[in-house]
Amino acid sequence: MVEAVSEHWLPSKQRDPNRWKALLQRVVSLLRFGLFLAVLALLAWGAATEARTSYLQSRLLSRWAGDMNFTVRPGPSDTIRFPIWGPYDERLGYAKLPSFIDALSARHFVVTRQAQWSQSLDDFVENGGYAIYGEKSRAGFELFDRDRSPLYRVRYPERIYENFQSIPPLVIDSLLFIEDHDVLDFRDPRRNPAVDWGRFMLASGEGSPVLSTAVSGKAAPAHLPLRSKSSAIRQAAAPPASPKNFARW
């Protein structure tokens, strides 16, 4: 009788193993969820920081592009590739160089020197990348006689600013307002100037013309075929135009 009453009113000394197992599983689940949130927050912070500062890009891409170069060597090159289309290449005549060379070769002219690409640059372009070189703001053509006296000379564009300091502030401010407000912001000197990530994310679902503008800062001309999203994204992933830019980037 006494044992029955004690078992009914006094707590049992035996612990329920299922209860503790369920509690342990709940704690583990909470820890996993907390770890997931922490990793997610860390990735979000890293992505936002990278988009603002381009810290990893400025190191990894500069190291990758360090071997992508070319040298001008005697004779014709067997590695050089010429662009097919593009406003810059068409405006400065790069897209028409093959036809120019063929026409001159038919008239007994020869190529005395031409750019020889490195193996890294050749492989990069072969796999769909864009050739890396220092883009000129001005190009032209000069014709000399046998005594190196100029016979003909033409420049395009005819008039340019000699240096950055000679550009009127109104022109600079207008271009910054249209293209990229932060391109001359030196608080993040390593920031990738080729991609405006805010505009890129907003334009990613609005079609290739807008996406190309967000990537390059320039709208595609109406007479040129529009690039696909994959082409614009590949341009965003490619290194900047010149390896020398990485020294400043």
C-alpha atoms as a PDB file:
ATOM      1  CA  MET A   1       0.000   0.000   0.000  1.00  0.00           C
ATOM      2  CA  VAL A   2       2.771   2.412   0.963  1.00  0.00           C
ATOM      3  CA  GLU A   3       4.752   1.525  -2.166  1.00  0.00           C
ATOM      4  CA  ALA A   4       1.724   2.134  -4.354  1.00  0.00           C
ATOM      5  CA  VAL A   5       1.085   5.564  -2.807  1.00  0.00           C
ATOM      6  CA  SER A   6       4.756   6.556  -3.117  1.00  0.00           C
ATOM      7  CA  GLU A   7       4.924   5.530  -6.751  1.00  0.00           C
ATOM      8  CA  HIS A   8       1.763   7.548  -7.453  1.00  0.00           C
ATOM      9  CA  TRP A   9       2.645  10.804  -5.637  1.00  0.00           C
ATOM     10  CA  LEU A  10       6.470  10.894  -5.716  1.00  0.00           C
ATOM     11  CA  PRO A  11       8.317  11.620  -8.969  1.00  0.00           C
ATOM     12  CA  SER A  12       9.907   8.686 -10.663  1.00  0.00           C
ATOM     13  CA  LYS A  13      13.710   8.539 -10.623  1.00  0.00           C
ATOM     14  CA  GLN A  14      13.814   7.019 -14.099  1.00  0.00           C
ATOM     15  CA  ARG A  15      14.342   9.470 -17.014  1.00  0.00           C
ATOM     16  CA  ASP A  16      12.527   9.167 -20.279  1.00  0.00           C
ATOM     17  CA  PRO A  17      15.249   8.585 -22.954  1.00  0.00           C
ATOM     18  CA  ASN A  18      12.959   9.610 -25.805  1.00  0.00           C
ATOM     19  CA  ARG A  19      12.351  13.000 -24.206  1.00  0.00           C
ATOM     20  CA  TRP A  20      16.054  13.812 -23.920  1.00  0.00           C
ATOM     21  CA  LYS A  21      16.699  12.520 -27.419  1.00  0.00           C
ATOM     22  CA  ALA A  22      13.996  14.817 -28.831  1.00  0.00           C
ATOM     23  CA  LEU A  23      15.426  17.759 -26.860  1.00  0.00           C
ATOM     24  CA  LEU A  24      18.914  17.057 -28.189  1.00  0.00           C
ATOM     25  CA  GLN A  25      17.625  16.852 -31.749  1.00  0.00           C
ATOM     26  CA  ARG A  26      15.874  20.198 -31.298  1.00  0.00           C
ATOM     27  CA  VAL A  27      19.068  21.833 -30.028  1.00  0.00           C
ATOM     28  CA  VAL A  28      21.055  20.416 -32.943  1.00  0.00           C
ATOM     29  CA  SER A  29      18.434  21.684 -35.387  1.00  0.00           C
ATOM     30  CA  LEU A  30      18.590  25.156 -33.849  1.00  0.00           C
ATOM     31  CA  LEU A  31      22.371  25.143 -34.064  1.00  0.00           C
ATOM     32  CA  ARG A  32      22.242  24.083 -37.706  1.00  0.00           C
ATOM     33  CA  PHE A  33      19.721  26.796 -38.508  1.00  0.00           C
ATOM     34  CA  GLY A  34      21.815  29.389 -36.682  1.00  0.00           C
ATOM     35  CA  LEU A  35      24.931  28.250 -38.551  1.00  0.00           C
ATOM     36  CA  PHE A  36      23.052  28.471 -41.840  1.00  0.00           C
ATOM     37  CA  LEU A  37      21.945  32.034 -41.060  1.00  0.00           C
ATOM     38  CA  ALA A  38      25.485  32.989 -40.047  1.00  0.00           C
ATOM     39  CA  VAL A  39      26.959  31.576 -43.274  1.00  0.00           C
ATOM     40  CA  LEU A  40      24.241  33.278 -45.318  1.00  0.00           C
ATOM     41  CA  ALA A  41      24.895  36.609 -43.598  1.00  0.00           C
ATOM     42  CA  LEU A  42      28.644  36.197 -44.114  1.00  0.00           C
ATOM     43  CA  LEU A  43      28.177  35.457 -47.818  1.00  0.00           C
ATOM     44  CA  ALA A  44      25.849  38.443 -48.219  1.00  0.00           C
ATOM     45  CA  TRP A  45      28.347  40.704 -46.461  1.00  0.00           C
ATOM     46  CA  GLY A  46      31.191  39.355 -48.605  1.00  0.00           C
ATOM     47  CA  ALA A  47      29.230  39.830 -51.839  1.00  0.00           C
ATOM     48  CA  ALA A  48      28.253  43.383 -50.896  1.00  0.00           C
ATOM     49  CA  THR A  49      31.826  44.226 -49.914  1.00  0.00           C
ATOM     50  CA  GLU A  50      33.222  42.692 -53.092  1.00  0.00           C
ATOM     51  CA  ALA A  51      30.715  44.576 -55.251  1.00  0.00           C
ATOM     52  CA  ARG A  52      31.743  47.828 -53.570  1.00  0.00           C
ATOM     53  CA  THR A  53      35.526  47.351 -53.356  1.00  0.00           C
ATOM     54  CA  SER A  54      36.389  44.583 -55.901  1.00  0.00           C
ATOM     55  CA  TYR A  55      38.982  43.342 -53.416  1.00  0.00           C
ATOM     56  CA  LEU A  56      39.188  39.777 -54.718  1.00  0.00           C
ATOM     57  CA  GLN A  57      38.808  40.746 -58.368  1.00  0.00           C
ATOM     58  CA  SER A  58      41.689  43.212 -58.198  1.00  0.00           C
ATOM     59  CA  ARG A  59      43.973  40.454 -56.919  1.00  0.00           C
ATOM     60  CA  LEU A  60      42.823  37.315 -58.685  1.00  0.00           C
ATOM     61  CA  LEU A  61      42.122  38.839 -62.098  1.00  0.00           C
ATOM     62  CA  SER A  62      45.313  40.892 -62.107  1.00  0.00           C
ATOM     63  CA  ARG A  63      47.315  37.747 -61.405  1.00  0.00           C
ATOM     64  CA  TRP A  64      45.409  35.889 -64.101  1.00  0.00           C
ATOM     65  CA  ALA A  65      45.842  38.649 -66.685  1.00  0.00           C
ATOM     66  CA  GLY A  66      49.512  39.197 -65.866  1.00  0.00           C
ATOM     67  CA  ASP A  67      50.580  36.690 -68.539  1.00  0.00           C
ATOM     68  CA  MET A  68      48.121  37.925 -71.173  1.00  0.00           C
ATOM     69  CA  ASN A  69      50.298  40.219 -73.236  1.00  0.00           C
ATOM     70  CA  PHE A  70      51.758  40.694 -76.667  1.00  0.00           C
ATOM     71  CA  THR A  71      54.965  41.960 -78.220  1.00  0.00           C
ATOM     72  CA  VAL A  72      55.576  43.523 -81.608  1.00  0.00           C
ATOM     73  CA  ARG A  73      58.034  41.319 -83.498  1.00  0.00           C
ATOM     74  CA  PRO A  74      59.485  41.344 -86.998  1.00  0.00           C
ATOM     75  CA  GLY A  75      57.430  39.704 -89.711  1.00  0.00           C
ATOM     76  CA  PRO A  76      53.755  38.710 -89.835  1.00  0.00           C
ATOM     77  CA  SER A  77      52.147  37.140 -86.780  1.00  0.00           C
ATOM     78  CA  ASP A  78      50.551  33.702 -86.727  1.00  0.00           C
ATOM     79  CA  THR A  79      48.605  34.334 -83.523  1.00  0.00           C
ATOM     80  CA  ILE A  80      46.958  37.700 -84.087  1.00  0.00           C
ATOM     81  CA  ARG A  81      43.173  37.846 -84.454  1.00  0.00           C
ATOM     82  CA  PHE A  82      41.263  40.824 -85.791  1.00  0.00           C
ATOM     83  CA  PRO A  83      37.853  42.002 -84.511  1.00  0.00           C
ATOM     84  CA  ILE A  84      34.824  41.502 -86.711  1.00  0.00           C
ATOM     85  CA  TRP A  85      32.510  44.251 -85.518  1.00  0.00           C
ATOM     86  CA  GLY A  86      31.982  46.771 -82.751  1.00  0.00           C
ATOM     87  CA  PRO A  87      31.653  50.577 -82.644  1.00  0.00           C
ATOM     88  CA  TYR A  88      35.191  51.150 -81.361  1.00  0.00           C
ATOM     89  CA  ASP A  89      36.819  48.654 -83.756  1.00  0.00           C
ATOM     90  CA  GLU A  90      34.863  49.931 -86.729  1.00  0.00           C
ATOM     91  CA  ARG A  91      35.402  53.598 -85.910  1.00  0.00           C
ATOM     92  CA  LEU A  92      39.190  53.222 -85.624  1.00  0.00           C
ATOM     93  CA  GLY A  93      39.503  50.764 -88.511  1.00  0.00           C
ATOM     94  CA  TYR A  94      40.594  47.659 -86.588  1.00  0.00           C
ATOM     95  CA  ALA A  95      37.767  45.583 -88.055  1.00  0.00           C
ATOM     96  CA  LYS A  96      38.958  46.405 -91.597  1.00  0.00           C
ATOM     97  CA  LEU A  97      42.632  45.624 -91.060  1.00  0.00           C
ATOM     98  CA  PRO A  98      42.465  42.194 -92.780  1.00  0.00           C
ATOM     99  CA  SER A  99      41.072  43.758 -95.965  1.00  0.00           C
ATOM    100  CA  PHE A 100      43.642  46.558 -95.782  1.00  0.00           C
ATOM    101  CA  ILE A 101      46.484  44.044 -95.411  1.00  0.00           C
ATOM    102  CA  ASP A 102      45.208  41.902 -98.285  1.00  0.00           C
ATOM    103  CA  ALA A 103      44.841  44.929-100.567  1.00  0.00           C
ATOM    104  CA  LEU A 104      48.337  46.171 -99.775  1.00  0.00           C
ATOM    105  CA  SER A 105      49.837  42.694-100.101  1.00  0.00           C
ATOM    106  CA  ALA A 106      48.343  42.449-103.593  1.00  0.00           C
ATOM    107  CA  ARG A 107      50.316  45.601-104.444  1.00  0.00           C
ATOM    108  CA  HIS A 108      53.617  44.130-103.229  1.00  0.00           C
ATOM    109  CA  PHE A 109      53.582  45.639 -99.736  1.00  0.00           C
ATOM    110  CA  VAL A 110      54.797  43.395 -96.915  1.00  0.00           C
ATOM    111  CA  VAL A 111      54.185  43.253 -93.176  1.00  0.00           C
ATOM    112  CA  THR A 112      57.458  44.145 -91.482  1.00  0.00           C
ATOM    113  CA  ARG A 113      56.266  43.972 -87.856  1.00  0.00           C
ATOM    114  CA  GLN A 114      53.147  42.643 -86.167  1.00  0.00           C
ATOM    115  CA  ALA A 115      51.901  41.805 -82.687  1.00  0.00           C
ATOM    116  CA  GLN A 116      52.670  38.310 -81.409  1.00  0.00           C
ATOM    117  CA  TRP A 117      50.307  37.113 -78.675  1.00  0.00           C
ATOM    118  CA  SER A 118      51.357  35.213 -75.603  1.00  0.00           C
ATOM    119  CA  GLN A 119      50.015  31.700 -75.134  1.00  0.00           C
ATOM    120  CA  SER A 120      47.795  32.807 -72.227  1.00  0.00           C
ATOM    121  CA  LEU A 121      46.192  35.554 -74.281  1.00  0.00           C
ATOM    122  CA  ASP A 122      45.740  33.220 -77.245  1.00  0.00           C
ATOM    123  CA  ASP A 123      44.026  30.587 -75.075  1.00  0.00           C
ATOM    124  CA  PHE A 124      41.821  33.203 -73.422  1.00  0.00           C
ATOM    125  CA  VAL A 125      40.519  34.566 -76.731  1.00  0.00           C
ATOM    126  CA  GLU A 126      40.198  31.058 -78.154  1.00  0.00           C
ATOM    127  CA  ASN A 127      37.779  30.221 -75.316  1.00  0.00           C
ATOM    128  CA  GLY A 128      35.546  33.211 -75.996  1.00  0.00           C
ATOM    129  CA  GLY A 129      37.297  35.993 -74.087  1.00  0.00           C
ATOM    130  CA  TYR A 130      37.977  39.495 -75.329  1.00  0.00           C
ATOM    131  CA  ALA A 131      41.484  40.487 -76.388  1.00  0.00           C
ATOM    132  CA  ILE A 132      43.302  42.572 -73.783  1.00  0.00           C
ATOM    133  CA  TYR A 133      45.083  45.659 -75.018  1.00  0.00           C
ATOM    134  CA  GLY A 134      45.404  49.334 -74.216  1.00  0.00           C
ATOM    135  CA  GLU A 135      42.584  51.013 -76.102  1.00  0.00           C
ATOM    136  CA  LYS A 136      43.615  54.203 -77.868  1.00  0.00           C
ATOM    137  CA  SER A 137      41.550  57.356 -77.702  1.00  0.00           C
ATOM    138  CA  ARG A 138      42.990  58.416 -81.056  1.00  0.00           C
ATOM    139  CA  ALA A 139      44.131  56.554 -84.146  1.00  0.00           C
ATOM    140  CA  GLY A 140      45.384  57.504 -87.572  1.00  0.00           C
ATOM    141  CA  PHE A 141      47.371  56.701 -90.648  1.00  0.00           C
ATOM    142  CA  GLU A 142      50.772  57.969 -91.763  1.00  0.00           C
ATOM    143  CA  LEU A 143      52.492  57.436 -95.102  1.00  0.00           C
ATOM    144  CA  PHE A 144      56.223  58.123 -95.511  1.00  0.00           C
ATOM    145  CA  ASP A 145      58.603  58.088 -98.444  1.00  0.00           C
ATOM    146  CA  ARG A 146      61.927  56.259 -98.495  1.00  0.00           C
ATOM    147  CA  ASP A 147      63.576  59.099 -96.552  1.00  0.00           C
ATOM    148  CA  ARG A 148      60.921  58.904 -93.781  1.00  0.00           C
ATOM    149  CA  SER A 149      59.439  62.215 -94.858  1.00  0.00           C
ATOM    150  CA  PRO A 150      55.659  62.298 -94.317  1.00  0.00           C
ATOM    151  CA  LEU A 151      53.594  62.144 -97.475  1.00  0.00           C
ATOM    152  CA  TYR A 152      50.155  61.748 -95.935  1.00  0.00           C
ATOM    153  CA  ARG A 153      48.787  61.908 -92.422  1.00  0.00           C
ATOM    154  CA  VAL A 154      45.283  61.668 -90.977  1.00  0.00           C
ATOM    155  CA  ARG A 155      44.049  61.495 -87.378  1.00  0.00           C
ATOM    156  CA  TYR A 156      40.730  60.446 -85.892  1.00  0.00           C
ATOM    157  CA  PRO A 157      39.292  62.174 -84.024  1.00  0.00           C
ATOM    158  CA  GLU A 158      40.943  65.345 -85.259  1.00  0.00           C
ATOM    159  CA  ARG A 159      40.620  67.221 -81.978  1.00  0.00           C
ATOM    160  CA  ILE A 160      41.084  65.671 -78.556  1.00  0.00           C
ATOM    161  CA  TYR A 161      41.928  66.795 -75.042  1.00  0.00           C
ATOM    162  CA  GLU A 162      45.656  66.434 -74.442  1.00  0.00           C
ATOM    163  CA  ASN A 163      45.215  65.192 -70.867  1.00  0.00           C
ATOM    164  CA  PHE A 164      42.627  64.761 -68.142  1.00  0.00           C
ATOM    165  CA  GLN A 165      43.410  68.140 -66.583  1.00  0.00           C
ATOM    166  CA  SER A 166      42.485  69.939 -69.813  1.00  0.00           C
ATOM    167  CA  ILE A 167      38.904  68.587 -69.816  1.00  0.00           C
ATOM    168  CA  PRO A 168      36.386  71.192 -68.558  1.00  0.00           C
ATOM    169  CA  PRO A 169      34.768  70.226 -65.232  1.00  0.00           C
ATOM    170  CA  LEU A 170      31.307  70.550 -66.796  1.00  0.00           C
ATOM    171  CA  VAL A 171      32.147  67.847 -69.344  1.00  0.00           C
ATOM    172  CA  ILE A 172      33.522  65.547 -66.635  1.00  0.00           C
ATOM    173  CA  ASP A 173      30.510  66.034 -64.369  1.00  0.00           C
ATOM    174  CA  SER A 174      28.085  65.456 -67.252  1.00  0.00           C
ATOM    175  CA  LEU A 175      29.761  62.189 -68.254  1.00  0.00           C
ATOM    176  CA  LEU A 176      29.893  60.997 -64.659  1.00  0.00           C
ATOM    177  CA  PHE A 177      26.190  61.733 -64.263  1.00  0.00           C
ATOM    178  CA  ILE A 178      25.339  59.767 -67.411  1.00  0.00           C
ATOM    179  CA  GLU A 179      27.785  56.871 -67.119  1.00  0.00           C
ATOM    180  CA  ASP A 180      28.872  56.114 -63.550  1.00  0.00           C
ATOM    181  CA  HIS A 181      28.697  58.472 -60.582  1.00  0.00           C
ATOM    182  CA  ASP A 182      31.382  56.605 -58.638  1.00  0.00           C
ATOM    183  CA  VAL A 183      34.014  55.929 -61.302  1.00  0.00           C
ATOM    184  CA  LEU A 184      36.271  58.708 -59.928  1.00  0.00           C
ATOM    185  CA  ASP A 185      35.518  57.980 -56.275  1.00  0.00           C
ATOM    186  CA  PHE A 186      38.907  57.108 -54.764  1.00  0.00           C
ATOM    187  CA  ARG A 187      37.493  55.857 -51.467  1.00  0.00           C
ATOM    188  CA  ASP A 188      37.502  52.409 -53.117  1.00  0.00           C
ATOM    189  CA  PRO A 189      40.449  52.650 -55.532  1.00  0.00           C
ATOM    190  CA  ARG A 190      40.277  48.952 -56.472  1.00  0.00           C
ATOM    191  CA  ARG A 191      36.608  48.998 -57.468  1.00  0.00           C
ATOM    192  CA  ASN A 192      35.956  47.426 -60.868  1.00  0.00           C
ATOM    193  CA  PRO A 193      35.109  50.349 -63.182  1.00  0.00           C
ATOM    194  CA  ALA A 194      33.700  48.046 -65.870  1.00  0.00           C
ATOM    195  CA  VAL A 195      30.623  46.906 -63.910  1.00  0.00           C
ATOM    196  CA  ASP A 196      28.022  48.910 -62.032  1.00  0.00           C
ATOM    197  CA  TRP A 197      26.588  46.113 -59.893  1.00  0.00           C
ATOM    198  CA  GLY A 198      23.514  48.080 -58.831  1.00  0.00           C
ATOM    199  CA  ARG A 199      22.478  48.734 -62.423  1.00  0.00           C
ATOM    200  CA  PHE A 200      23.580  45.219 -63.389  1.00  0.00           C
ATOM    201  CA  MET A 201      21.211  43.571 -60.921  1.00  0.00           C
ATOM    202  CA  LEU A 202      18.313  45.812 -61.912  1.00  0.00           C
ATOM    203  CA  ALA A 203      18.904  45.252 -65.611  1.00  0.00           C
ATOM    204  CA  SER A 204      19.533  41.496 -65.439  1.00  0.00           C
ATOM    205  CA  GLY A 205      15.878  40.754 -66.151  1.00  0.00           C
ATOM    206  CA  GLU A 206      15.166  43.580 -68.582  1.00  0.00           C
ATOM    207  CA  GLY A 207      16.855  42.409 -71.761  1.00  0.00           C
ATOM    208  CA  SER A 208      20.269  42.528 -73.405  1.00  0.00           C
ATOM    209  CA  PRO A 209      20.390  46.261 -74.391  1.00  0.00           C
ATOM    210  CA  VAL A 210      19.948  47.389 -70.795  1.00  0.00           C
ATOM    211  CA  LEU A 211      22.228  44.643 -69.524  1.00  0.00           C
ATOM    212  CA  SER A 212      24.971  45.650 -71.934  1.00  0.00           C
ATOM    213  CA  THR A 213      24.658  49.242 -70.750  1.00  0.00           C
ATOM    214  CA  ALA A 214      24.969  48.165 -67.118  1.00  0.00           C
ATOM    215  CA  VAL A 215      28.076  46.140 -67.922  1.00  0.00           C
ATOM    216  CA  SER A 216      29.950  48.546 -70.159  1.00  0.00           C
ATOM    217  CA  GLY A 217      28.294  51.869 -69.340  1.00  0.00           C
ATOM    218  CA  LYS A 218      27.422  52.412 -73.011  1.00  0.00           C
ATOM    219  CA  ALA A 219      24.238  51.679 -74.899  1.00  0.00           C
ATOM    220  CA  ALA A 220      24.486  49.541 -78.022  1.00  0.00           C
ATOM    221  CA  PRO A 221      24.013  51.574 -81.241  1.00  0.00           C
ATOM    222  CA  ALA A 222      20.821  50.906 -83.130  1.00  0.00           C
ATOM    223  CA  HIS A 223      22.610  49.689 -86.283  1.00  0.00           C
ATOM    224  CA  LEU A 224      24.549  46.979 -84.423  1.00  0.00           C
ATOM    225  CA  PRO A 225      23.114  43.582 -83.440  1.00  0.00           C
ATOM    226  CA  LEU A 226      22.198  43.365 -79.768  1.00  0.00           C
ATOM    227  CA  ARG A 227      24.307  41.091 -77.640  1.00  0.00           C
ATOM    228  CA  SER A 228      22.769  38.278 -75.691  1.00  0.00           C
ATOM    229  CA  LYS A 229      22.746  38.160 -71.901  1.00  0.00           C
ATOM    230  CA  SER A 230      25.460  35.513 -71.914  1.00  0.00           C
ATOM    231  CA  SER A 231      27.687  37.753 -74.047  1.00  0.00           C
ATOM    232  CA  ALA A 232      27.171  40.698 -71.726  1.00  0.00           C
ATOM    233  CA  ILE A 233      27.862  38.573 -68.662  1.00  0.00           C
ATOM    234  CA  ARG A 234      31.009  37.187 -70.318  1.00  0.00           C
ATOM    235  CA  GLN A 235      32.154  40.769 -70.901  1.00  0.00           C
ATOM    236  CA  ALA A 236      31.549  41.526 -67.236  1.00  0.00           C
ATOM    237  CA  ALA A 237      33.610  38.517 -66.191  1.00  0.00           C
ATOM    238  CA  ALA A 238      36.476  39.304 -68.539  1.00  0.00           C
ATOM    239  CA  PRO A 239      39.473  41.307 -67.256  1.00  0.00           C
ATOM    240  CA  PRO A 240      39.622  45.025 -68.091  1.00  0.00           C
ATOM    241  CA  ALA A 241      40.987  46.129 -71.426  1.00  0.00           C
ATOM    242  CA  SER A 242      44.607  46.498 -70.445  1.00  0.00           C
ATOM    243  CA  PRO A 243      46.791  44.622 -67.950  1.00  0.00           C
ATOM    244  CA  LYS A 244      48.328  47.976 -67.061  1.00  0.00           C
ATOM    245  CA  ASN A 245      44.995  49.046 -65.604  1.00  0.00           C
ATOM    246  CA  PHE A 246      45.446  46.464 -62.861  1.00  0.00           C
ATOM    247  CA  ALA A 247      48.359  48.435 -61.460  1.00  0.00           C
ATOM    248  CA  ARG A 248      45.939  51.257 -60.768  1.00  0.00           C
ATOM    249  CA  TRP A 249      42.946  48.975 -60.194  1.00  0.00           C
END
